Structure formats: C-alpha cells, structure tokens
C-alpha cells in the first residue's frame, strides 16, 4: 500500500497550502480538485491503486468517526432549537427535490443522493459520511463535491448581498447562512459579512444541521440492505430487473419474498457507531477540552486525505460521459434550499 499512500499523502499537503491561501475553498475541496488534476495529467498506475483505495475508503471512515468529537449534542440542540424547523424543512425539501429533479434530468441514483445530501446537510463532510454507506464510485464523489463547491462559492458572493437587500438582522442572517450554505468554511465566510453575532448563530445552526448525518446514514444503510436483499431474492427466483419473471416462462411475477429480519448490529456501519460514541463522550464531558481542537483538525486532514485519494482514483473519461446534468441538479437544489430557507424563516417569524 505504501506507493499509493505516499501519493495520496502528497496531494493533501498541497491542498492544505491552497486552503491556507484561500480559506473559502477549504482543504477537502482543494484535495479532491488537485487529485482530479493529477489523475487527468498523469493517470496513477496499478502500483498505487491499493494505497489510494485504502485512503479513499478506510481513512474516510476513520475521519467520519472523528467528526463526532467536535459535536456536543445537547448544547447544539438547545442553542439551535429555534432553527430546527428551518433545518428540517429545508433538508426534507432538498432530499425530495434531489430525487424528483434528478430522475427527470437522468442523474443516476447514487450521484443524485450524494448531491442531495451534500446540498441539504453539510457539503463534503456529508458526502464523506454517505459514500461508504451507498458504495458510491470515486467519479460520483468527485462530481458531487465539485458541484457543491461551485455553489458554495456562489453563496459566498450572493448571500451577503441578499441579506442586506432583505434587511435581515444578524441572528436571522446567521440562521439563513447555517441552513442554506454547505461546508463550514463557507458558512463562516458568508456569516462574517454580518459580524460576530451572525457568525456565532450560523455556526450553531450548522452544527445542529450536521447532526442530520446520523439519521440520513441510518436510513440509507437500511435502504441499501433492503435493496440488496431484494436483488438476492429476485436472482434466486429468476426475476428480471423490474421484478418480472423471465420472458416466455409463463410464470408471471414471482411470489413476494418476505424480508429477513434486520439486525441493528449489521445495519449500522461501524464508523457511525464510532461517530455517536465520540459525540456522546463530548456531550458527557469525557473528552478533555484541549483535545477538541486537535481531533477536529485531524478529522479535517483525514477527510482531505481521503477525498484527495478519491480524486486520484477518478476516471476522467467517465466524468465526461456523465455530462452536465449533475451540475444542473446542484444548481436547482441550491435555489430550492435558498428559497425554502427564506420562506420558512418568514413564516416562523424569524425574518
């Protein structure tokens, strides 16, 4: 694994330097962008594949675990209680819109899920959490993160102007930024235009929104397991992809198969259990305060490393074949989330 790990390690070092110069870009986005550039300019050979694949999968899962160390569940939920209606409504609308619009644009299931979750929850971190659950391909992850990045930049440029146009106070704008912008770095960049109060509110709302990763991943894991069981059942009965029996057999539809009981220990991925354990330890005060910063920094670096490896494993030809539809889906979802967030804040008296 050493050649691939060495290559994967070199990319986030450069990405970290880019993020220091351009904080709005952030390390994960810079990492995957640089990884894709390396993959396009000099396609990594088979010798590097094992290490790159390990970094893109196992390191990604370890990073998700460490994300729990910076979340105090009770504090975030209490502080962001008034923003929960906005968060839940915008998230629900975004996920439904991702599936509905994505199907009509011809975007494949895993890719539209990644774009929907990345737009509705927390950008690259949500994509990182969902990727091992749905088993998305590297090209799909690369396209999803790139799409999220494009509209993060648009939010940094447009949202402060929109806030002033609507005469939003710092608290209202912080809630808006925390629910309508994806990555934390972009949330902070947008909210700073309104000062410290807006930034504090935006960060709290963003953290509460990040917690939605847990139920979403659990739901996706259950759905993936159910689909896998259904595919196995159809294969054993000779059914086609739509659940029909083989043509000409005269047997019609096979008898419905009763799903096997789901064991929670097999349903919940190990990295989500680790995430919950660290978040609970943080909430209970079991993690020293001095450890929060280093663990958060390590999680950020590991996500950058993992997404850099995913970028390195990207097949440029497959990205070209994907076409512009995913980017159009990301733009539609960005507008949906923005409009829904403002509408809910207006209806609940927060605007």
Protein backbone atom coordinates (compact mmCIF):
# COMPACT_ATOMS: atom_id res chain seq x y z
CA UNK A 1 0.00 0.00 0.00
CA UNK A 2 2.96 2.34 0.50
CA UNK A 3 3.23 3.81 -3.03
CA UNK A 4 -0.47 4.70 -3.13
CA UNK A 5 -0.48 6.07 0.41
CA UNK A 6 2.59 8.20 -0.35
CA UNK A 7 0.87 9.62 -3.43
CA UNK A 8 -2.36 10.19 -1.53
CA UNK A 9 -0.41 11.90 1.28
CA UNK A 10 1.36 14.30 -1.09
CA UNK A 11 -1.86 15.73 -2.51
CA UNK A 12 -3.44 16.91 0.80
CA UNK A 13 -0.16 18.58 1.74
CA UNK A 14 -0.58 20.79 -1.32
CA UNK A 15 -4.32 21.10 -0.66
CA UNK A 16 -3.66 22.36 2.88
CA UNK A 17 -1.42 25.08 1.45
CA UNK A 18 -4.14 26.06 -1.03
CA UNK A 19 -6.73 26.18 1.77
CA UNK A 20 -4.44 28.45 3.83
CA UNK A 21 -4.28 30.90 0.94
CA UNK A 22 -7.97 30.54 0.04
CA UNK A 23 -9.92 29.63 3.22
CA UNK A 24 -13.24 29.75 1.39
CA UNK A 25 -12.12 26.81 -0.75
CA UNK A 26 -11.24 24.54 2.17
CA UNK A 27 -8.91 21.57 2.31
CA UNK A 28 -11.34 18.80 1.22
CA UNK A 29 -12.42 20.61 -1.93
CA UNK A 30 -8.83 21.59 -2.76
CA UNK A 31 -7.74 18.00 -2.14
CA UNK A 32 -10.24 16.40 -4.47
CA UNK A 33 -9.64 19.08 -7.12
CA UNK A 34 -5.87 18.54 -7.03
CA UNK A 35 -6.38 14.77 -7.03
CA UNK A 36 -8.52 15.01 -10.16
CA UNK A 37 -5.91 17.24 -11.82
CA UNK A 38 -3.19 14.68 -11.07
CA UNK A 39 -5.43 11.89 -12.38
CA UNK A 40 -6.02 13.83 -15.60
CA UNK A 41 -2.40 14.89 -16.12
CA UNK A 42 -0.71 11.60 -15.14
CA UNK A 43 -3.03 8.67 -14.60
CA UNK A 44 -1.72 6.79 -11.50
CA UNK A 45 -0.66 3.23 -12.28
CA UNK A 46 -1.82 -0.06 -10.84
CA UNK A 47 1.06 0.02 -8.33
CA UNK A 48 -0.59 2.88 -6.45
CA UNK A 49 -4.14 1.52 -6.56
CA UNK A 50 -4.16 -0.45 -3.24
CA UNK A 51 -2.95 2.50 -1.16
CA UNK A 52 -5.19 5.00 -2.93
CA UNK A 53 -8.21 2.74 -2.49
CA UNK A 54 -7.39 2.26 1.21
CA UNK A 55 -7.10 6.01 1.77
CA UNK A 56 -10.34 6.68 -0.09
CA UNK A 57 -12.29 4.09 1.92
CA UNK A 58 -10.87 3.25 5.35
CA UNK A 59 -9.34 6.65 6.04
CA UNK A 60 -12.65 8.21 5.03
CA UNK A 61 -14.48 6.07 7.58
CA UNK A 62 -12.00 6.97 10.33
CA UNK A 63 -12.46 10.66 9.55
CA UNK A 64 -16.23 10.32 9.95
CA UNK A 65 -15.68 8.84 13.42
CA UNK A 66 -13.53 11.80 14.46
CA UNK A 67 -16.17 14.27 13.29
CA UNK A 68 -18.18 13.29 16.37
CA UNK A 69 -15.50 14.66 18.69
CA UNK A 70 -16.38 18.28 17.89
CA UNK A 71 -20.14 17.90 18.45
CA UNK A 72 -21.79 18.38 21.82
CA UNK A 73 -25.23 17.04 21.08
CA UNK A 74 -27.19 18.64 23.90
CA UNK A 75 -25.52 22.04 23.61
CA UNK A 76 -26.03 22.29 19.88
CA UNK A 77 -29.64 21.13 20.02
CA UNK A 78 -30.51 23.52 22.84
CA UNK A 79 -28.79 26.50 21.27
CA UNK A 80 -30.24 25.80 17.84
CA UNK A 81 -33.74 24.77 18.91
CA UNK A 82 -35.41 27.73 17.22
CA UNK A 83 -33.65 26.92 13.96
CA UNK A 84 -34.71 23.26 13.84
CA UNK A 85 -37.95 23.89 11.88
CA UNK A 86 -35.94 25.68 9.19
CA UNK A 87 -33.30 22.94 9.18
CA UNK A 88 -35.75 20.05 9.00
CA UNK A 89 -38.00 21.58 6.35
CA UNK A 90 -35.14 22.65 4.08
CA UNK A 91 -33.45 19.25 4.45
CA UNK A 92 -36.64 17.34 3.66
CA UNK A 93 -37.48 19.51 0.66
CA UNK A 94 -33.91 19.22 -0.63
CA UNK A 95 -33.79 15.42 -0.40
CA UNK A 96 -37.19 15.02 -2.07
CA UNK A 97 -36.25 17.53 -4.78
CA UNK A 98 -32.93 15.75 -5.37
CA UNK A 99 -34.71 12.51 -6.21
CA UNK A 100 -37.54 14.11 -8.20
CA UNK A 101 -35.43 16.55 -10.24
CA UNK A 102 -32.53 14.12 -10.53
CA UNK A 103 -34.69 11.43 -12.12
CA UNK A 104 -36.01 13.88 -14.68
CA UNK A 105 -32.51 15.05 -15.52
CA UNK A 106 -31.32 11.47 -15.87
CA UNK A 107 -28.87 11.64 -12.95
CA UNK A 108 -28.10 8.17 -11.56
CA UNK A 109 -29.27 7.20 -8.07
CA UNK A 110 -26.01 7.31 -6.08
CA UNK A 111 -24.92 10.60 -7.65
CA UNK A 112 -28.22 12.36 -7.03
CA UNK A 113 -28.16 11.04 -3.44
CA UNK A 114 -24.67 12.46 -2.90
CA UNK A 115 -25.58 15.84 -4.38
CA UNK A 116 -28.83 15.95 -2.41
CA UNK A 117 -27.20 15.06 0.91
CA UNK A 118 -24.24 17.36 0.27
CA UNK A 119 -26.56 20.28 -0.51
CA UNK A 120 -29.06 19.55 2.26
CA UNK A 121 -26.71 18.70 5.13
CA UNK A 122 -23.08 19.77 5.16
CA UNK A 123 -21.29 19.52 1.86
CA UNK A 124 -18.11 17.46 1.68
CA UNK A 125 -18.49 16.07 5.22
CA UNK A 126 -21.95 14.68 4.46
CA UNK A 127 -20.74 13.25 1.17
CA UNK A 128 -17.84 11.65 3.07
CA UNK A 129 -20.25 10.07 5.54
CA UNK A 130 -22.70 8.81 2.94
CA UNK A 131 -20.16 7.50 0.41
CA UNK A 132 -19.26 4.25 2.24
CA UNK A 133 -22.92 3.63 3.08
CA UNK A 134 -24.17 3.71 -0.53
CA UNK A 135 -20.91 2.44 -2.05
CA UNK A 136 -20.64 5.36 -4.48
CA UNK A 137 -17.90 5.32 -7.12
CA UNK A 138 -14.97 7.72 -6.99
CA UNK A 139 -16.11 9.62 -10.06
CA UNK A 140 -19.53 10.19 -8.50
CA UNK A 141 -17.97 11.51 -5.29
CA UNK A 142 -15.66 13.79 -7.26
CA UNK A 143 -18.54 15.20 -9.30
CA UNK A 144 -20.74 15.67 -6.23
CA UNK A 145 -18.06 17.51 -4.22
CA UNK A 146 -17.15 19.65 -7.22
CA UNK A 147 -20.81 20.56 -7.70
CA UNK A 148 -21.19 21.51 -4.04
CA UNK A 149 -18.05 23.66 -4.25
CA UNK A 150 -19.37 25.64 -7.22
CA UNK A 151 -22.49 26.68 -5.34
CA UNK A 152 -20.61 27.34 -2.10
CA UNK A 153 -18.65 29.97 -3.98
CA UNK A 154 -21.91 31.35 -5.40
CA UNK A 155 -23.34 31.57 -1.86
CA UNK A 156 -20.29 33.49 -0.59
CA UNK A 157 -20.75 36.04 -3.36
CA UNK A 158 -24.55 36.31 -3.40
CA UNK A 159 -25.90 35.65 0.10
CA UNK A 160 -24.47 38.71 1.93
CA UNK A 161 -25.92 40.95 -0.78
CA UNK A 162 -29.25 39.15 -0.49
CA UNK A 163 -29.23 39.55 3.29
CA UNK A 164 -28.69 43.29 3.05
CA UNK A 165 -31.34 43.54 0.34
CA UNK A 166 -33.84 41.83 2.66
CA UNK A 167 -32.63 43.91 5.65
CA UNK A 168 -32.00 40.76 7.73
CA UNK A 169 -30.70 41.19 11.27
CA UNK A 170 -27.54 39.24 12.29
CA UNK A 171 -29.49 36.47 14.06
CA UNK A 172 -31.79 35.90 11.08
CA UNK A 173 -28.93 36.00 8.63
CA UNK A 174 -26.91 33.58 10.77
CA UNK A 175 -29.82 31.13 10.72
CA UNK A 176 -30.14 31.54 6.97
CA UNK A 177 -26.41 31.02 6.38
CA UNK A 178 -26.33 27.99 8.66
CA UNK A 179 -29.19 26.27 6.81
CA UNK A 180 -28.52 27.30 3.20
CA UNK A 181 -24.71 27.04 2.90
CA UNK A 182 -22.96 23.68 2.86
CA UNK A 183 -19.38 23.46 4.16
CA UNK A 184 -18.46 25.06 7.49
CA UNK A 185 -15.71 27.20 5.97
CA UNK A 186 -18.20 28.72 3.53
CA UNK A 187 -20.80 29.18 6.30
CA UNK A 188 -18.27 31.21 8.30
CA UNK A 189 -17.19 33.17 5.24
CA UNK A 190 -20.79 34.10 4.42
CA UNK A 191 -21.76 34.95 8.02
CA UNK A 192 -18.72 37.15 8.68
CA UNK A 193 -20.27 39.78 6.44
CA UNK A 194 -22.78 40.33 9.27
CA UNK A 195 -20.31 40.27 12.16
CA UNK A 196 -19.75 38.12 15.23
CA UNK A 197 -23.40 37.60 16.20
CA UNK A 198 -24.31 36.30 12.76
CA UNK A 199 -21.24 34.05 12.73
CA UNK A 200 -22.00 32.54 16.16
CA UNK A 201 -25.60 31.78 15.18
CA UNK A 202 -24.56 30.37 11.82
CA UNK A 203 -22.03 28.01 13.39
CA UNK A 204 -24.55 26.70 15.95
CA UNK A 205 -27.21 26.14 13.29
CA UNK A 206 -24.65 24.47 11.04
CA UNK A 207 -23.60 22.07 13.83
CA UNK A 208 -27.22 21.16 14.54
CA UNK A 209 -27.71 20.60 10.84
CA UNK A 210 -24.61 18.38 10.75
CA UNK A 211 -26.27 16.01 13.23
CA UNK A 212 -28.73 15.10 10.49
CA UNK A 213 -25.93 12.99 9.01
CA UNK A 214 -26.76 10.27 11.55
CA UNK A 215 -30.45 9.56 10.71
CA UNK A 216 -29.78 10.01 6.99
CA UNK A 217 -26.95 7.47 7.01
CA UNK A 218 -29.02 5.05 9.07
CA UNK A 219 -31.91 5.39 6.63
CA UNK A 220 -29.65 4.92 3.62
CA UNK A 221 -28.00 1.89 5.23
CA UNK A 222 -31.40 0.31 5.83
CA UNK A 223 -32.49 1.08 2.27
CA UNK A 224 -29.27 -0.35 0.81
CA UNK A 225 -29.67 -3.52 2.83
CA UNK A 226 -33.28 -3.88 1.77
CA UNK A 227 -32.40 -3.43 -1.90
CA UNK A 228 -29.56 -5.95 -1.60
CA UNK A 229 -31.92 -8.49 -0.07
CA UNK A 230 -34.49 -7.83 -2.78
CA UNK A 231 -31.88 -8.28 -5.51
CA UNK A 232 -30.77 -11.58 -3.99
CA UNK A 233 -34.39 -12.76 -3.79
CA UNK A 234 -35.08 -11.79 -7.41
CA UNK A 235 -31.90 -13.53 -8.52
CA UNK A 236 -32.91 -16.73 -6.78
CA UNK A 237 -36.35 -16.70 -8.44
CA UNK A 238 -35.07 -15.84 -11.93
CA UNK A 239 -36.76 -12.42 -11.92
CA UNK A 240 -35.55 -9.61 -14.15
CA UNK A 241 -34.51 -6.16 -13.03
CA UNK A 242 -38.09 -4.99 -12.68
CA UNK A 243 -39.20 -7.97 -10.62
CA UNK A 244 -40.70 -9.75 -13.64
CA UNK A 245 -40.13 -13.44 -14.37
CA UNK A 246 -38.08 -14.43 -17.41
CA UNK A 247 -39.86 -13.69 -20.67
CA UNK A 248 -41.70 -16.66 -22.11
CA UNK A 249 -41.74 -18.63 -18.89
CA UNK A 250 -45.46 -18.25 -18.44
CA UNK A 251 -44.99 -17.88 -14.69
CA UNK A 252 -45.77 -14.14 -14.38
CA UNK A 253 -44.49 -12.36 -11.28
CA UNK A 254 -42.74 -14.47 -8.67
CA UNK A 255 -44.34 -14.80 -5.29
CA UNK A 256 -43.35 -11.91 -3.00
CA UNK A 257 -40.41 -12.66 -0.75
CA UNK A 258 -40.72 -11.87 2.93
CA UNK A 259 -37.77 -9.68 4.00
CA UNK A 260 -35.47 -11.25 6.55
CA UNK A 261 -35.37 -9.64 10.00
CA UNK A 262 -32.85 -6.80 10.14
CA UNK A 263 -30.24 -6.93 12.89
CA UNK A 264 -29.31 -3.47 14.10
CA UNK A 265 -25.69 -4.58 14.63
CA UNK A 266 -25.45 -5.43 10.93
CA UNK A 267 -27.45 -2.42 9.79
CA UNK A 268 -25.38 0.30 11.49
CA UNK A 269 -21.93 0.81 9.94
CA UNK A 270 -19.07 0.72 12.45
CA UNK A 271 -17.95 4.26 11.68
CA UNK A 272 -21.38 5.67 12.57
CA UNK A 273 -21.24 3.88 15.92
CA UNK A 274 -17.84 5.43 16.49
CA UNK A 275 -19.20 8.83 15.49
CA UNK A 276 -22.05 8.54 18.00
CA UNK A 277 -19.71 7.29 20.73
CA UNK A 278 -17.36 10.27 20.37
CA UNK A 279 -20.26 12.73 20.19
CA UNK A 280 -21.74 11.21 23.35
CA UNK A 281 -18.36 11.40 25.09
CA UNK A 282 -18.09 15.05 24.08
CA UNK A 283 -21.57 15.72 25.40
CA UNK A 284 -20.79 14.00 28.72
CA UNK A 285 -17.57 15.96 29.13
CA UNK A 286 -15.39 12.87 28.89
CA UNK A 287 -13.20 14.37 26.19
CA UNK A 288 -10.70 16.94 27.53
CA UNK A 289 -11.34 20.39 26.17
CA UNK A 290 -7.74 20.52 24.96
CA UNK A 291 -8.42 17.53 22.71
CA UNK A 292 -11.32 19.07 20.79
CA UNK A 293 -9.17 21.27 18.57
CA UNK A 294 -6.57 18.62 17.64
CA UNK A 295 -9.22 15.95 17.00
CA UNK A 296 -11.21 18.34 14.81
CA UNK A 297 -8.06 19.30 12.91
CA UNK A 298 -7.17 15.61 12.46
CA UNK A 299 -10.67 14.84 11.17
CA UNK A 300 -10.37 17.67 8.68
CA UNK A 301 -6.99 16.46 7.49
CA UNK A 302 -8.17 12.85 7.14
CA UNK A 303 -11.18 13.98 5.09
CA UNK A 304 -8.80 15.97 2.89
CA UNK A 305 -6.56 12.91 2.56
CA UNK A 306 -9.47 10.61 1.74
CA UNK A 307 -11.04 12.96 -0.78
CA UNK A 308 -7.63 13.53 -2.35
CA UNK A 309 -7.36 9.76 -2.83
CA UNK A 310 -10.85 9.68 -4.32
CA UNK A 311 -9.79 12.42 -6.72
CA UNK A 312 -6.72 10.37 -7.69
CA UNK A 313 -8.95 7.38 -8.44
CA UNK A 314 -11.23 9.40 -10.69
CA UNK A 315 -11.69 8.25 -14.27
CA UNK A 316 -11.72 11.46 -16.38
CA UNK A 317 -13.43 9.68 -19.28
CA UNK A 318 -16.29 8.63 -17.01
CA UNK A 319 -16.68 12.21 -15.76
CA UNK A 320 -17.00 13.40 -19.35
CA UNK A 321 -19.61 10.75 -20.06
CA UNK A 322 -21.62 11.92 -17.03
CA UNK A 323 -22.43 15.20 -18.77
CA UNK A 324 -23.77 18.49 -17.37
CA UNK A 325 -26.93 17.08 -15.75
CA UNK A 326 -25.44 16.68 -12.21
CA UNK A 327 -24.24 20.31 -12.21
CA UNK A 328 -27.70 21.42 -13.28
CA UNK A 329 -29.17 19.31 -10.47
CA UNK A 330 -26.85 21.01 -7.97
CA UNK A 331 -27.95 24.43 -9.19
CA UNK A 332 -31.62 23.53 -8.91
CA UNK A 333 -31.14 22.21 -5.36
CA UNK A 334 -29.18 25.32 -4.35
CA UNK A 335 -32.09 27.51 -5.46
CA UNK A 336 -34.61 25.20 -3.76
CA UNK A 337 -32.76 25.27 -0.43
CA UNK A 338 -32.29 29.05 -0.57
CA UNK A 339 -35.94 29.75 -1.34
CA UNK A 340 -37.23 27.21 1.19
CA UNK A 341 -34.99 28.51 3.97
CA UNK A 342 -36.13 32.11 3.44
CA UNK A 343 -39.79 31.06 3.20
CA UNK A 344 -39.72 29.04 6.44
CA UNK A 345 -37.94 31.83 8.31
CA UNK A 346 -40.57 34.28 7.08
CA UNK A 347 -43.46 32.00 8.07
CA UNK A 348 -42.00 31.31 11.54
CA UNK A 349 -41.32 35.00 12.24
CA UNK A 350 -37.53 34.78 12.08
CA UNK A 351 -37.19 37.03 9.03
